[in-house]
Amino acid sequence: MWKMDVTKKVLEAIQRHRSDGCLPNAPISPRSLMYTYGTDEEFWEIVADLEKEFGITFDGDEVMDMGEMTVRSFIELVVKKVEKQKGDQGV
């Protein structure tokens, strides 16, 4: 269940910071590359939101590679980070 919550929060962060010029509520495709929805500047904003939301951290290489990931791959990365963080806290 928590994975769906993480997925929802990731999609909300992408939606909030997207700069693709689509209508504000246009659906985000899990198969699209992250570059479809923004540039490195927007990615840093998305990452900042997610780090604050979940208490996770991204390294610079992950952010620099983010644009070439699909949305689905990025969500999976965030889920793994949250899962690791939960495990580190013994939750």
PDB file of N, CA and C in Angstrom:
ATOM      1  N   MET A   1       0.816  -1.197   0.000  1.00  0.00           N
ATOM      2  CA  MET A   1       0.000   0.000   0.000  1.00  0.00           C
ATOM      3  C   MET A   1       0.859   1.261   0.000  1.00  0.00           C
ATOM      4  N   TRP A   2       1.931   1.266   0.795  1.00  0.00           N
ATOM      5  CA  TRP A   2       2.766   2.460   0.854  1.00  0.00           C
ATOM      6  C   TRP A   2       3.412   2.755  -0.494  1.00  0.00           C
ATOM      7  N   LYS A   3       3.653   1.708  -1.302  1.00  0.00           N
ATOM      8  CA  LYS A   3       4.265   1.938  -2.616  1.00  0.00           C
ATOM      9  C   LYS A   3       3.344   2.759  -3.512  1.00  0.00           C
ATOM     10  N   MET A   4       2.038   2.544  -3.390  1.00  0.00           N
ATOM     11  CA  MET A   4       1.085   3.356  -4.164  1.00  0.00           C
ATOM     12  C   MET A   4       1.116   4.807  -3.695  1.00  0.00           C
ATOM     13  N   ASP A   5       1.272   5.012  -2.397  1.00  0.00           N
ATOM     14  CA  ASP A   5       1.376   6.370  -1.861  1.00  0.00           C
ATOM     15  C   ASP A   5       2.630   7.060  -2.388  1.00  0.00           C
ATOM     16  N   VAL A   6       3.746   6.326  -2.438  1.00  0.00           N
ATOM     17  CA  VAL A   6       4.991   6.882  -2.970  1.00  0.00           C
ATOM     18  C   VAL A   6       4.804   7.232  -4.439  1.00  0.00           C
ATOM     19  N   THR A   7       4.211   6.312  -5.199  1.00  0.00           N
ATOM     20  CA  THR A   7       3.963   6.557  -6.623  1.00  0.00           C
ATOM     21  C   THR A   7       3.133   7.816  -6.813  1.00  0.00           C
ATOM     22  N   LYS A   8       2.091   7.957  -6.029  1.00  0.00           N
ATOM     23  CA  LYS A   8       1.223   9.132  -6.124  1.00  0.00           C
ATOM     24  C   LYS A   8       2.001  10.410  -5.829  1.00  0.00           C
ATOM     25  N   LYS A   9       2.837  10.395  -4.798  1.00  0.00           N
ATOM     26  CA  LYS A   9       3.623  11.580  -4.431  1.00  0.00           C
ATOM     27  C   LYS A   9       4.633  11.930  -5.519  1.00  0.00           C
ATOM     28  N   VAL A  10       5.241  10.915  -6.151  1.00  0.00           N
ATOM     29  CA  VAL A  10       6.188  11.169  -7.244  1.00  0.00           C
ATOM     30  C   VAL A  10       5.461  11.826  -8.412  1.00  0.00           C
ATOM     31  N   LEU A  11       4.315  11.276  -8.784  1.00  0.00           N
ATOM     32  CA  LEU A  11       3.545  11.853  -9.894  1.00  0.00           C
ATOM     33  C   LEU A  11       3.091  13.275  -9.569  1.00  0.00           C
ATOM     34  N   GLU A  12       2.720  13.521  -8.328  1.00  0.00           N
ATOM     35  CA  GLU A  12       2.330  14.874  -7.922  1.00  0.00           C
ATOM     36  C   GLU A  12       3.505  15.839  -8.035  1.00  0.00           C
ATOM     37  N   ALA A  13       4.706  15.399  -7.660  1.00  0.00           N
ATOM     38  CA  ALA A  13       5.893  16.254  -7.762  1.00  0.00           C
ATOM     39  C   ALA A  13       6.213  16.558  -9.220  1.00  0.00           C
ATOM     40  N   ILE A  14       6.115  15.552 -10.087  1.00  0.00           N
ATOM     41  CA  ILE A  14       6.343  15.779 -11.520  1.00  0.00           C
ATOM     42  C   ILE A  14       5.308  16.760 -12.045  1.00  0.00           C
ATOM     43  N   GLN A  15       4.059  16.545 -11.690  1.00  0.00           N
ATOM     44  CA  GLN A  15       2.973  17.421 -12.138  1.00  0.00           C
ATOM     45  C   GLN A  15       3.209  18.864 -11.688  1.00  0.00           C
ATOM     46  N   ARG A  16       3.633  19.038 -10.461  1.00  0.00           N
ATOM     47  CA  ARG A  16       3.834  20.365  -9.881  1.00  0.00           C
ATOM     48  C   ARG A  16       4.954  21.135 -10.585  1.00  0.00           C
ATOM     49  N   HIS A  17       5.987  20.429 -11.033  1.00  0.00           N
ATOM     50  CA  HIS A  17       7.168  21.102 -11.581  1.00  0.00           C
ATOM     51  C   HIS A  17       7.334  20.938 -13.090  1.00  0.00           C
ATOM     52  N   ARG A  18       6.424  20.272 -13.743  1.00  0.00           N
ATOM     53  CA  ARG A  18       6.576  20.012 -15.182  1.00  0.00           C
ATOM     54  C   ARG A  18       6.611  21.318 -15.966  1.00  0.00           C
ATOM     55  N   SER A  19       7.358  21.296 -17.060  1.00  0.00           N
ATOM     56  CA  SER A  19       7.489  22.492 -17.892  1.00  0.00           C
ATOM     57  C   SER A  19       7.309  22.155 -19.366  1.00  0.00           C
ATOM     58  N   ASP A  20       6.510  21.136 -19.643  1.00  0.00           N
ATOM     59  CA  ASP A  20       6.369  20.661 -21.016  1.00  0.00           C
ATOM     60  C   ASP A  20       5.341  21.433 -21.825  1.00  0.00           C
ATOM     61  N   GLY A  21       4.638  22.358 -21.224  1.00  0.00           N
ATOM     62  CA  GLY A  21       3.678  23.168 -21.966  1.00  0.00           C
ATOM     63  C   GLY A  21       2.332  22.507 -22.197  1.00  0.00           C
ATOM     64  N   CYS A  22       2.130  21.312 -21.663  1.00  0.00           N
ATOM     65  CA  CYS A  22       0.827  20.649 -21.787  1.00  0.00           C
ATOM     66  C   CYS A  22      -0.168  21.295 -20.834  1.00  0.00           C
ATOM     67  N   LEU A  23      -1.401  20.945 -21.019  1.00  0.00           N
ATOM     68  CA  LEU A  23      -2.415  21.398 -20.076  1.00  0.00           C
ATOM     69  C   LEU A  23      -2.023  20.942 -18.676  1.00  0.00           C
ATOM     70  N   PRO A  24      -2.306  21.734 -17.662  1.00  0.00           N
ATOM     71  CA  PRO A  24      -1.853  21.422 -16.303  1.00  0.00           C
ATOM     72  C   PRO A  24      -2.236  20.033 -15.801  1.00  0.00           C
ATOM     73  N   ASN A  25      -3.377  19.518 -16.205  1.00  0.00           N
ATOM     74  CA  ASN A  25      -3.807  18.212 -15.705  1.00  0.00           C
ATOM     75  C   ASN A  25      -3.638  17.089 -16.723  1.00  0.00           C
ATOM     76  N   ALA A  26      -2.850  17.326 -17.774  1.00  0.00           N
ATOM     77  CA  ALA A  26      -2.610  16.273 -18.760  1.00  0.00           C
ATOM     78  C   ALA A  26      -1.932  15.090 -18.065  1.00  0.00           C
ATOM     79  N   PRO A  27      -2.346  13.864 -18.402  1.00  0.00           N
ATOM     80  CA  PRO A  27      -1.777  12.687 -17.736  1.00  0.00           C
ATOM     81  C   PRO A  27      -0.277  12.546 -17.994  1.00  0.00           C
ATOM     82  N   ILE A  28       0.400  11.970 -17.036  1.00  0.00           N
ATOM     83  CA  ILE A  28       1.830  11.690 -17.143  1.00  0.00           C
ATOM     84  C   ILE A  28       1.967  10.225 -17.526  1.00  0.00           C
ATOM     85  N   SER A  29       2.652   9.973 -18.630  1.00  0.00           N
ATOM     86  CA  SER A  29       2.806   8.602 -19.112  1.00  0.00           C
ATOM     87  C   SER A  29       3.983   7.915 -18.428  1.00  0.00           C
ATOM     88  N   PRO A  30       3.774   6.708 -17.879  1.00  0.00           N
ATOM     89  CA  PRO A  30       4.875   5.992 -17.237  1.00  0.00           C
ATOM     90  C   PRO A  30       5.964   5.574 -18.223  1.00  0.00           C
ATOM     91  N   ARG A  31       5.636   5.527 -19.510  1.00  0.00           N
ATOM     92  CA  ARG A  31       6.617   5.114 -20.521  1.00  0.00           C
ATOM     93  C   ARG A  31       7.454   6.274 -21.045  1.00  0.00           C
ATOM     94  N   SER A  32       7.030   7.492 -20.770  1.00  0.00           N
ATOM     95  CA  SER A  32       7.744   8.668 -21.275  1.00  0.00           C
ATOM     96  C   SER A  32       9.053   8.871 -20.527  1.00  0.00           C
ATOM     97  N   LEU A  33      10.018   9.443 -21.240  1.00  0.00           N
ATOM     98  CA  LEU A  33      11.252   9.847 -20.581  1.00  0.00           C
ATOM     99  C   LEU A  33      10.965  11.049 -19.699  1.00  0.00           C
ATOM    100  N   MET A  34      11.679  11.157 -18.622  1.00  0.00           N
ATOM    101  CA  MET A  34      11.491  12.289 -17.721  1.00  0.00           C
ATOM    102  C   MET A  34      11.730  13.616 -18.448  1.00  0.00           C
ATOM    103  N   TYR A  35      12.634  13.633 -19.442  1.00  0.00           N
ATOM    104  CA  TYR A  35      12.873  14.868 -20.201  1.00  0.00           C
ATOM    105  C   TYR A  35      11.606  15.385 -20.870  1.00  0.00           C
ATOM    106  N   THR A  36      10.610  14.526 -21.041  1.00  0.00           N
ATOM    107  CA  THR A  36       9.335  14.952 -21.610  1.00  0.00           C
ATOM    108  C   THR A  36       8.696  16.023 -20.736  1.00  0.00           C
ATOM    109  N   TYR A  37       8.952  15.965 -19.446  1.00  0.00           N
ATOM    110  CA  TYR A  37       8.250  16.824 -18.490  1.00  0.00           C
ATOM    111  C   TYR A  37       9.099  17.942 -17.907  1.00  0.00           C
ATOM    112  N   GLY A  38      10.365  18.008 -18.267  1.00  0.00           N
ATOM    113  CA  GLY A  38      11.164  19.095 -17.727  1.00  0.00           C
ATOM    114  C   GLY A  38      12.635  18.980 -18.071  1.00  0.00           C
ATOM    115  N   THR A  39      13.393  19.881 -17.471  1.00  0.00           N
ATOM    116  CA  THR A  39      14.839  19.948 -17.661  1.00  0.00           C
ATOM    117  C   THR A  39      15.512  19.692 -16.314  1.00  0.00           C
ATOM    118  N   ASP A  40      16.823  19.777 -16.306  1.00  0.00           N
ATOM    119  CA  ASP A  40      17.559  19.550 -15.059  1.00  0.00           C
ATOM    120  C   ASP A  40      17.060  20.454 -13.935  1.00  0.00           C
ATOM    121  N   GLU A  41      16.694  21.676 -14.267  1.00  0.00           N
ATOM    122  CA  GLU A  41      16.199  22.607 -13.241  1.00  0.00           C
ATOM    123  C   GLU A  41      14.944  22.056 -12.557  1.00  0.00           C
ATOM    124  N   GLU A  42      13.999  21.587 -13.353  1.00  0.00           N
ATOM    125  CA  GLU A  42      12.778  21.004 -12.782  1.00  0.00           C
ATOM    126  C   GLU A  42      13.084  19.722 -12.011  1.00  0.00           C
ATOM    127  N   PHE A  43      14.051  18.943 -12.499  1.00  0.00           N
ATOM    128  CA  PHE A  43      14.397  17.695 -11.817  1.00  0.00           C
ATOM    129  C   PHE A  43      14.921  17.974 -10.410  1.00  0.00           C
ATOM    130  N   TRP A  44      15.736  19.016 -10.267  1.00  0.00           N
ATOM    131  CA  TRP A  44      16.240  19.370  -8.938  1.00  0.00           C
ATOM    132  C   TRP A  44      15.088  19.753  -8.011  1.00  0.00           C
ATOM    133  N   GLU A  45      14.080  20.430  -8.556  1.00  0.00           N
ATOM    134  CA  GLU A  45      12.912  20.807  -7.751  1.00  0.00           C
ATOM    135  C   GLU A  45      12.101  19.571  -7.351  1.00  0.00           C
ATOM    136  N   ILE A  46      11.937  18.639  -8.297  1.00  0.00           N
ATOM    137  CA  ILE A  46      11.227  17.386  -8.006  1.00  0.00           C
ATOM    138  C   ILE A  46      11.965  16.618  -6.910  1.00  0.00           C
ATOM    139  N   VAL A  47      13.276  16.498  -7.075  1.00  0.00           N
ATOM    140  CA  VAL A  47      14.098  15.777  -6.101  1.00  0.00           C
ATOM    141  C   VAL A  47      14.009  16.437  -4.724  1.00  0.00           C
ATOM    142  N   ALA A  48      14.076  17.761  -4.678  1.00  0.00           N
ATOM    143  CA  ALA A  48      13.987  18.468  -3.391  1.00  0.00           C
ATOM    144  C   ALA A  48      12.662  18.154  -2.697  1.00  0.00           C
ATOM    145  N   ASP A  49      11.576  18.164  -3.461  1.00  0.00           N
ATOM    146  CA  ASP A  49      10.266  17.822  -2.890  1.00  0.00           C
ATOM    147  C   ASP A  49      10.265  16.408  -2.311  1.00  0.00           C
ATOM    148  N   LEU A  50      10.803  15.455  -3.084  1.00  0.00           N
ATOM    149  CA  LEU A  50      10.773  14.052  -2.664  1.00  0.00           C
ATOM    150  C   LEU A  50      11.712  13.792  -1.491  1.00  0.00           C
ATOM    151  N   GLU A  51      12.868  14.453  -1.487  1.00  0.00           N
ATOM    152  CA  GLU A  51      13.783  14.301  -0.353  1.00  0.00           C
ATOM    153  C   GLU A  51      13.123  14.800   0.934  1.00  0.00           C
ATOM    154  N   LYS A  52      12.440  15.928   0.830  1.00  0.00           N
ATOM    155  CA  LYS A  52      11.751  16.487   2.000  1.00  0.00           C
ATOM    156  C   LYS A  52      10.580  15.588   2.424  1.00  0.00           C
ATOM    157  N   GLU A  53       9.813  15.132   1.451  1.00  0.00           N
ATOM    158  CA  GLU A  53       8.626  14.309   1.726  1.00  0.00           C
ATOM    159  C   GLU A  53       8.971  12.984   2.406  1.00  0.00           C
ATOM    160  N   PHE A  54      10.030  12.323   1.903  1.00  0.00           N
ATOM    161  CA  PHE A  54      10.320  10.959   2.345  1.00  0.00           C
ATOM    162  C   PHE A  54      11.586  10.810   3.188  1.00  0.00           C
ATOM    163  N   GLY A  55      12.354  11.889   3.349  1.00  0.00           N
ATOM    164  CA  GLY A  55      13.589  11.787   4.121  1.00  0.00           C
ATOM    165  C   GLY A  55      14.646  10.953   3.427  1.00  0.00           C
ATOM    166  N   ILE A  56      14.659  11.013   2.095  1.00  0.00           N
ATOM    167  CA  ILE A  56      15.634  10.263   1.296  1.00  0.00           C
ATOM    168  C   ILE A  56      16.597  11.255   0.657  1.00  0.00           C
ATOM    169  N   THR A  57      17.684  10.743   0.076  1.00  0.00           N
ATOM    170  CA  THR A  57      18.620  11.608  -0.640  1.00  0.00           C
ATOM    171  C   THR A  57      18.955  10.994  -1.994  1.00  0.00           C
ATOM    172  N   PHE A  58      19.186  11.871  -2.935  1.00  0.00           N
ATOM    173  CA  PHE A  58      19.639  11.488  -4.270  1.00  0.00           C
ATOM    174  C   PHE A  58      21.053  12.007  -4.431  1.00  0.00           C
ATOM    175  N   ASP A  59      21.896  11.245  -5.123  1.00  0.00           N
ATOM    176  CA  ASP A  59      23.215  11.794  -5.417  1.00  0.00           C
ATOM    177  C   ASP A  59      23.154  12.541  -6.748  1.00  0.00           C
ATOM    178  N   GLY A  60      24.151  13.351  -6.995  1.00  0.00           N
ATOM    179  CA  GLY A  60      24.168  14.191  -8.195  1.00  0.00           C
ATOM    180  C   GLY A  60      24.067  13.400  -9.485  1.00  0.00           C
ATOM    181  N   ASP A  61      24.717  12.231  -9.536  1.00  0.00           N
ATOM    182  CA  ASP A  61      24.659  11.410 -10.749  1.00  0.00           C
ATOM    183  C   ASP A  61      23.237  10.943 -11.031  1.00  0.00           C
ATOM    184  N   GLU A  62      22.514  10.590  -9.987  1.00  0.00           N
ATOM    185  CA  GLU A  62      21.124  10.152 -10.181  1.00  0.00           C
ATOM    186  C   GLU A  62      20.284  11.277 -10.771  1.00  0.00           C
ATOM    187  N   VAL A  63      20.497  12.481 -10.283  1.00  0.00           N
ATOM    188  CA  VAL A  63      19.728  13.611 -10.804  1.00  0.00           C
ATOM    189  C   VAL A  63      20.144  13.906 -12.241  1.00  0.00           C
ATOM    190  N   MET A  64      21.433  13.815 -12.525  1.00  0.00           N
ATOM    191  CA  MET A  64      21.906  14.092 -13.882  1.00  0.00           C
ATOM    192  C   MET A  64      21.399  13.042 -14.877  1.00  0.00           C
ATOM    193  N   ASP A  65      21.183  11.815 -14.427  1.00  0.00           N
ATOM    194  CA  ASP A  65      20.688  10.741 -15.294  1.00  0.00           C
ATOM    195  C   ASP A  65      19.164  10.685 -15.351  1.00  0.00           C
ATOM    196  N   MET A  66      18.519  11.470 -14.532  1.00  0.00           N
ATOM    197  CA  MET A  66      17.068  11.402 -14.383  1.00  0.00           C
ATOM    198  C   MET A  66      16.320  11.621 -15.690  1.00  0.00           C
ATOM    199  N   GLY A  67      16.759  12.541 -16.501  1.00  0.00           N
ATOM    200  CA  GLY A  67      16.054  12.863 -17.737  1.00  0.00           C
ATOM    201  C   GLY A  67      15.961  11.703 -18.704  1.00  0.00           C
ATOM    202  N   GLU A  68      16.942  10.808 -18.648  1.00  0.00           N
ATOM    203  CA  GLU A  68      16.962   9.674 -19.561  1.00  0.00           C
ATOM    204  C   GLU A  68      16.198   8.471 -19.017  1.00  0.00           C
ATOM    205  N   MET A  69      15.704   8.575 -17.786  1.00  0.00           N
ATOM    206  CA  MET A  69      14.884   7.502 -17.206  1.00  0.00           C
ATOM    207  C   MET A  69      13.449   7.653 -17.679  1.00  0.00           C
ATOM    208  N   THR A  70      12.746   6.530 -17.750  1.00  0.00           N
ATOM    209  CA  THR A  70      11.302   6.637 -17.946  1.00  0.00           C
ATOM    210  C   THR A  70      10.688   7.064 -16.611  1.00  0.00           C
ATOM    211  N   VAL A  71       9.483   7.563 -16.677  1.00  0.00           N
ATOM    212  CA  VAL A  71       8.776   7.926 -15.450  1.00  0.00           C
ATOM    213  C   VAL A  71       8.673   6.698 -14.548  1.00  0.00           C
ATOM    214  N   ARG A  72       8.346   5.554 -15.132  1.00  0.00           N
ATOM    215  CA  ARG A  72       8.227   4.309 -14.355  1.00  0.00           C
ATOM    216  C   ARG A  72       9.548   3.975 -13.651  1.00  0.00           C
ATOM    217  N   SER A  73      10.670   4.099 -14.359  1.00  0.00           N
ATOM    218  CA  SER A  73      11.976   3.804 -13.758  1.00  0.00           C
ATOM    219  C   SER A  73      12.292   4.764 -12.620  1.00  0.00           C
ATOM    220  N   PHE A  74      11.926   6.029 -12.803  1.00  0.00           N
ATOM    221  CA  PHE A  74      12.162   7.005 -11.745  1.00  0.00           C
ATOM    222  C   PHE A  74      11.321   6.674 -10.512  1.00  0.00           C
ATOM    223  N   ILE A  75      10.078   6.313 -10.729  1.00  0.00           N
ATOM    224  CA  ILE A  75       9.214   5.922  -9.605  1.00  0.00           C
ATOM    225  C   ILE A  75       9.821   4.721  -8.878  1.00  0.00           C
ATOM    226  N   GLU A  76      10.307   3.729  -9.632  1.00  0.00           N
ATOM    227  CA  GLU A  76      10.917   2.545  -9.022  1.00  0.00           C
ATOM    228  C   GLU A  76      12.147   2.920  -8.201  1.00  0.00           C
ATOM    229  N   LEU A  77      12.944   3.879  -8.698  1.00  0.00           N
ATOM    230  CA  LEU A  77      14.113   4.353  -7.958  1.00  0.00           C
ATOM    231  C   LEU A  77      13.687   4.971  -6.628  1.00  0.00           C
ATOM    232  N   VAL A  78      12.664   5.808  -6.672  1.00  0.00           N
ATOM    233  CA  VAL A  78      12.184   6.449  -5.444  1.00  0.00           C
ATOM    234  C   VAL A  78      11.639   5.399  -4.472  1.00  0.00           C
ATOM    235  N   VAL A  79      10.873   4.442  -4.978  1.00  0.00           N
ATOM    236  CA  VAL A  79      10.330   3.382  -4.118  1.00  0.00           C
ATOM    237  C   VAL A  79      11.469   2.625  -3.432  1.00  0.00           C
ATOM    238  N   LYS A  80      12.534   2.300  -4.177  1.00  0.00           N
ATOM    239  CA  LYS A  80      13.679   1.590  -3.584  1.00  0.00           C
ATOM    240  C   LYS A  80      14.343   2.431  -2.500  1.00  0.00           C
ATOM    241  N   LYS A  81      14.475   3.725  -2.751  1.00  0.00           N
ATOM    242  CA  LYS A  81      15.089   4.609  -1.758  1.00  0.00           C
ATOM    243  C   LYS A  81      14.233   4.689  -0.495  1.00  0.00           C
ATOM    244  N   VAL A  82      12.934   4.794  -0.666  1.00  0.00           N
ATOM    245  CA  VAL A  82      12.032   4.858   0.486  1.00  0.00           C
ATOM    246  C   VAL A  82      12.071   3.529   1.240  1.00  0.00           C
ATOM    247  N   GLU A  83      12.076   2.426   0.494  1.00  0.00           N
ATOM    248  CA  GLU A  83      12.131   1.098   1.111  1.00  0.00           C
ATOM    249  C   GLU A  83      13.409   0.938   1.933  1.00  0.00           C
ATOM    250  N   LYS A  84      14.533   1.380   1.368  1.00  0.00           N
ATOM    251  CA  LYS A  84      15.811   1.304   2.085  1.00  0.00           C
ATOM    252  C   LYS A  84      15.771   2.183   3.329  1.00  0.00           C
ATOM    253  N   GLN A  85      15.230   3.372   3.190  1.00  0.00           N
ATOM    254  CA  GLN A  85      15.147   4.293   4.321  1.00  0.00           C
ATOM    255  C   GLN A  85      14.263   3.712   5.424  1.00  0.00           C
ATOM    256  N   LYS A  86      13.156   3.097   5.042  1.00  0.00           N
ATOM    257  CA  LYS A  86      12.260   2.456   6.021  1.00  0.00           C
ATOM    258  C   LYS A  86      12.996   1.313   6.726  1.00  0.00           C
ATOM    259  N   GLY A  87      13.747   0.534   5.955  1.00  0.00           N
ATOM    260  CA  GLY A  87      14.508  -0.574   6.532  1.00  0.00           C
ATOM    261  C   GLY A  87      15.586  -0.086   7.478  1.00  0.00           C
ATOM    262  N   ASP A  88      16.249   1.013   7.108  1.00  0.00           N
ATOM    263  CA  ASP A  88      17.295   1.580   7.958  1.00  0.00           C
ATOM    264  C   ASP A  88      16.725   2.088   9.278  1.00  0.00           C
ATOM    265  N   GLN A  89      15.448   2.460   9.272  1.00  0.00           N
ATOM    266  CA  GLN A  89      14.806   2.940  10.495  1.00  0.00           C
ATOM    267  C   GLN A  89      14.175   1.797  11.289  1.00  0.00           C
ATOM    268  N   GLY A  90      14.218   0.591  10.711  1.00  0.00           N
ATOM    269  CA  GLY A  90      13.629  -0.558  11.384  1.00  0.00           C
ATOM    270  C   GLY A  90      12.119  -0.560  11.385  1.00  0.00           C
ATOM    271  N   VAL A  91      11.536   0.092  10.376  1.00  0.00           N
ATOM    272  CA  VAL A  91      10.066   0.168  10.280  1.00  0.00           C
ATOM    273  C   VAL A  91       9.554  -1.052   9.561  1.00  0.00           C
TER     274      VAL A  91
END
